[in-house]
Protein backbone atom coordinates (compact mmCIF):
# COMPACT_ATOMS: atom_id res chain seq x y z
CA UNK A 1 23.73 65.28 -61.28
CA UNK A 2 23.59 64.58 -57.44
CA UNK A 3 26.53 64.03 -55.50
CA UNK A 4 26.80 60.65 -54.54
CA UNK A 5 29.22 61.04 -51.64
CA UNK A 6 27.25 63.87 -50.01
CA UNK A 7 26.49 62.78 -46.19
CA UNK A 8 23.04 64.91 -46.34
CA UNK A 9 22.15 62.94 -49.47
CA UNK A 10 23.17 59.58 -48.10
CA UNK A 11 21.47 60.31 -44.64
CA UNK A 12 18.16 61.14 -46.69
CA UNK A 13 18.46 57.82 -48.48
CA UNK A 14 18.73 55.97 -45.31
CA UNK A 15 16.05 57.63 -43.69
CA UNK A 16 13.47 57.32 -46.81
CA UNK A 17 14.32 53.69 -48.09
CA UNK A 18 12.48 51.85 -45.30
CA UNK A 19 9.48 53.87 -46.44
CA UNK A 20 9.90 53.42 -50.25
CA UNK A 21 10.51 49.52 -49.49
CA UNK A 22 7.08 49.63 -47.79
CA UNK A 23 5.59 51.42 -50.54
CA UNK A 24 6.77 49.14 -53.38
CA UNK A 25 7.03 45.73 -52.02
CA UNK A 26 3.40 44.81 -52.58
CA UNK A 27 3.49 45.94 -56.10
CA UNK A 28 3.35 43.57 -58.72
CA UNK A 29 7.02 42.60 -59.71
CA UNK A 30 8.32 43.84 -56.73
CA UNK A 31 7.50 41.38 -53.90
CA UNK A 32 11.08 40.06 -53.42
CA UNK A 33 12.90 43.38 -53.56
CA UNK A 34 15.08 43.84 -50.39
CA UNK A 35 15.96 47.12 -48.49
CA UNK A 36 19.61 47.07 -50.20
CA UNK A 37 18.11 47.16 -53.74
CA UNK A 38 15.83 50.01 -52.63
CA UNK A 39 18.75 51.93 -51.38
CA UNK A 40 20.92 51.31 -54.29
CA UNK A 41 18.05 52.34 -56.62
CA UNK A 42 17.60 55.36 -54.71
CA UNK A 43 21.20 56.42 -55.12
CA UNK A 44 20.74 56.47 -58.60
CA UNK A 45 17.56 58.64 -58.51
CA UNK A 46 17.17 60.44 -55.27
CA UNK A 47 17.54 64.01 -55.37
CA UNK A 48 20.54 66.08 -53.19
CA UNK A 49 18.37 65.71 -50.05
CA UNK A 50 17.68 61.99 -50.58
CA UNK A 51 14.25 62.18 -51.73
CA UNK A 52 11.97 61.20 -54.64
CA UNK A 53 10.06 64.47 -54.99
CA UNK A 54 8.53 63.78 -58.31
CA UNK A 55 6.20 61.30 -59.70
CA UNK A 56 8.41 60.77 -62.63
CA UNK A 57 11.60 60.24 -60.60
CA UNK A 58 9.36 57.59 -58.59
CA UNK A 59 8.24 55.81 -61.73
CA UNK A 60 11.91 55.59 -62.79
CA UNK A 61 13.05 53.94 -59.39
CA UNK A 62 10.17 51.55 -59.97
CA UNK A 63 11.45 50.74 -63.34
CA UNK A 64 15.06 50.43 -61.90
CA UNK A 65 13.85 48.03 -59.28
CA UNK A 66 11.74 45.59 -61.93
CA UNK A 67 14.47 45.44 -64.33
CA UNK A 68 17.61 45.63 -62.44
CA UNK A 69 19.01 48.51 -64.67
CA UNK A 70 21.27 50.32 -62.15
CA UNK A 71 23.35 47.09 -62.34
CA UNK A 72 22.47 45.30 -59.04
CA UNK A 73 20.14 42.43 -60.06
CA UNK A 74 16.93 44.43 -59.36
CA UNK A 75 13.74 42.54 -59.00
CA UNK A 76 14.21 40.97 -62.35
CA UNK A 77 10.71 39.87 -62.51
CA UNK A 78 9.16 41.78 -65.25
CA UNK A 79 9.95 39.14 -67.81
CA UNK A 80 8.74 36.24 -65.39
CA UNK A 81 5.41 38.57 -64.70
CA UNK A 82 4.76 38.71 -68.29
CA UNK A 83 5.25 35.04 -68.66
CA UNK A 84 2.80 34.26 -66.01
CA UNK A 85 0.24 36.46 -66.86
CA UNK A 86 -3.10 34.60 -67.71
CA UNK A 87 -4.38 37.17 -70.17
CA UNK A 88 -2.14 38.50 -72.92
CA UNK A 89 -2.70 40.95 -75.69
CA UNK A 90 -1.71 41.08 -79.07
CA UNK A 91 -2.21 44.44 -81.23
CA UNK A 92 -2.69 44.19 -84.92
CA UNK A 93 -2.00 47.48 -86.43
CA UNK A 94 -1.90 48.88 -89.87
CA UNK A 95 0.50 51.44 -91.02
CA UNK A 96 0.49 53.66 -94.00
CA UNK A 97 3.60 54.01 -95.95
CA UNK A 98 2.89 56.07 -98.92
CA UNK A 99 -0.22 54.64 -100.27
CA UNK A 100 0.52 51.33 -99.11
CA UNK A 101 -1.16 49.62 -95.98
CA UNK A 102 0.68 46.88 -94.15
CA UNK A 103 -0.58 44.81 -91.32
CA UNK A 104 1.69 44.51 -88.30
CA UNK A 105 1.14 42.42 -85.07
CA UNK A 106 2.54 43.91 -81.69
CA UNK A 107 3.01 40.88 -79.11
CA UNK A 108 3.09 41.22 -75.12
CA UNK A 109 1.17 44.67 -74.72
CA UNK A 110 0.24 45.10 -71.09
CA UNK A 111 -3.28 44.65 -70.67
CA UNK A 112 -4.01 47.83 -69.15
CA UNK A 113 -2.38 49.56 -72.49
CA UNK A 114 -4.19 47.29 -74.77
CA UNK A 115 -7.44 47.87 -73.50
CA UNK A 116 -6.96 52.00 -73.06
CA UNK A 117 -5.97 51.94 -76.71
CA UNK A 118 -9.08 49.64 -77.72
CA UNK A 119 -11.20 52.11 -75.93
CA UNK A 120 -9.52 55.29 -77.00
CA UNK A 121 -9.78 54.56 -80.87
CA UNK A 122 -13.06 52.31 -80.67
CA UNK A 123 -11.67 49.41 -81.92
CA UNK A 124 -13.16 46.00 -81.16
CA UNK A 125 -11.42 43.61 -78.60
CA UNK A 126 -11.53 39.99 -79.91
CA UNK A 127 -11.17 37.40 -77.08
CA UNK A 128 -10.03 33.99 -77.90
CA UNK A 129 -11.66 30.85 -76.29
CA UNK A 130 -8.40 30.07 -74.51
CA UNK A 131 -9.29 32.81 -72.00
CA UNK A 132 -11.95 30.67 -70.98
CA UNK A 133 -10.08 27.71 -70.00
CA UNK A 134 -10.75 27.85 -66.16
CA UNK A 135 -14.37 26.99 -66.89
CA UNK A 136 -14.24 23.50 -66.57
CA UNK A 137 -16.63 22.63 -69.42
CA UNK A 138 -16.30 20.04 -72.11
CA UNK A 139 -15.16 21.59 -75.33
CA UNK A 140 -18.46 20.83 -77.34
CA UNK A 141 -20.63 22.30 -74.47
CA UNK A 142 -18.45 25.26 -74.34
CA UNK A 143 -19.02 26.06 -78.06
CA UNK A 144 -22.68 25.83 -77.87
CA UNK A 145 -22.76 28.42 -75.02
CA UNK A 146 -23.88 32.05 -75.01
CA UNK A 147 -22.07 34.64 -73.34
CA UNK A 148 -24.99 34.92 -70.96
CA UNK A 149 -25.07 31.52 -70.26
CA UNK A 150 -21.07 31.76 -69.46
CA UNK A 151 -21.43 34.66 -67.21
CA UNK A 152 -25.23 34.63 -65.70
CA UNK A 153 -24.37 38.15 -64.25
CA UNK A 154 -23.73 39.80 -67.50
CA UNK A 155 -26.09 42.37 -68.80
CA UNK A 156 -26.19 43.99 -72.33
CA UNK A 157 -25.89 47.70 -72.59
CA UNK A 158 -29.81 48.03 -73.41
CA UNK A 159 -30.58 46.54 -69.76
CA UNK A 160 -27.84 48.65 -67.95
CA UNK A 161 -29.35 51.62 -69.53
CA UNK A 162 -32.89 50.61 -68.44
CA UNK A 163 -31.47 49.89 -65.04
CA UNK A 164 -29.89 53.60 -65.17
CA UNK A 165 -33.07 55.16 -65.91
CA UNK A 166 -35.10 53.16 -63.23
CA UNK A 167 -32.47 54.34 -60.73
CA UNK A 168 -32.38 58.04 -61.89
CA UNK A 169 -36.19 58.19 -61.56
CA UNK A 170 -35.91 56.61 -57.95
CA UNK A 171 -33.38 58.92 -56.80
CA UNK A 172 -35.09 61.87 -58.28
CA UNK A 173 -38.44 61.05 -56.92
CA UNK A 174 -36.58 60.41 -53.33
CA UNK A 175 -35.36 63.91 -53.55
CA UNK A 176 -38.54 65.21 -54.80
CA UNK A 177 -40.37 63.85 -51.66
CA UNK A 178 -37.70 64.95 -49.32
CA UNK A 179 -38.11 68.58 -50.65
CA UNK A 180 -41.76 68.30 -50.81
CA UNK A 181 -41.96 67.16 -47.13
CA UNK A 182 -40.03 70.17 -45.87
CA UNK A 183 -42.40 72.45 -48.03
CA UNK A 184 -45.15 70.76 -45.92
CA UNK A 185 -43.53 71.52 -42.65
CA UNK A 186 -42.92 75.16 -43.33
CA UNK A 187 -46.58 75.96 -44.30
C-alpha cells in the first residue's frame, strides 16, 4: 500500500495529473473530468513516486474516473453513455447444466466485446431493422430494399476476393517489371 501522505508521492501526483487529464479527457465518458477528480483518482492508484507505471493501473484509474468508485462523483457517465448509445448488443447464450440446455439473454454488452465474441466463436450477428432508422425511408420501401440498395458501397465476400486477386497480380507484376528493368540495366 502506498503512503498517501508521502511528500514525494504527492509531488509526483501534482506533476503528473495534468498529463493524465490531457490524456483522458477526450475518451468516451471522461470529457467532463476535472483536474481535481484526476488528482483524487491518482491518490488511489499512483505508486510511491506518484506515477502510473503499469497499463493495468491506468485501466483501473480510468474505471475509477468513469464510475466514481473512489467516493468522489467521478465521471459518472458510464450509465449515461450506455443509454445514449445508438447501437446496443444483446447476447443470447446457451448454458449447459448437466444434460439440460438453457437459453439466457445478456443485455447491455459493449459493442466491441459483442463483436469480438461473435468473431471468436463464429456465431452470426443478427441486426434489427431499428438500427437503420436513420435512413429516412418509408417502412414499406425499407422492407423491399436489399442490403446492396441500402449500402451501395457494400461488396460481397466473393467480389472482395476477386478484387484482392487482381490487386495481388498487379502488385506482383509491378515488382517483376521493376526487377526486370534492373536486370536489363546490368547487362
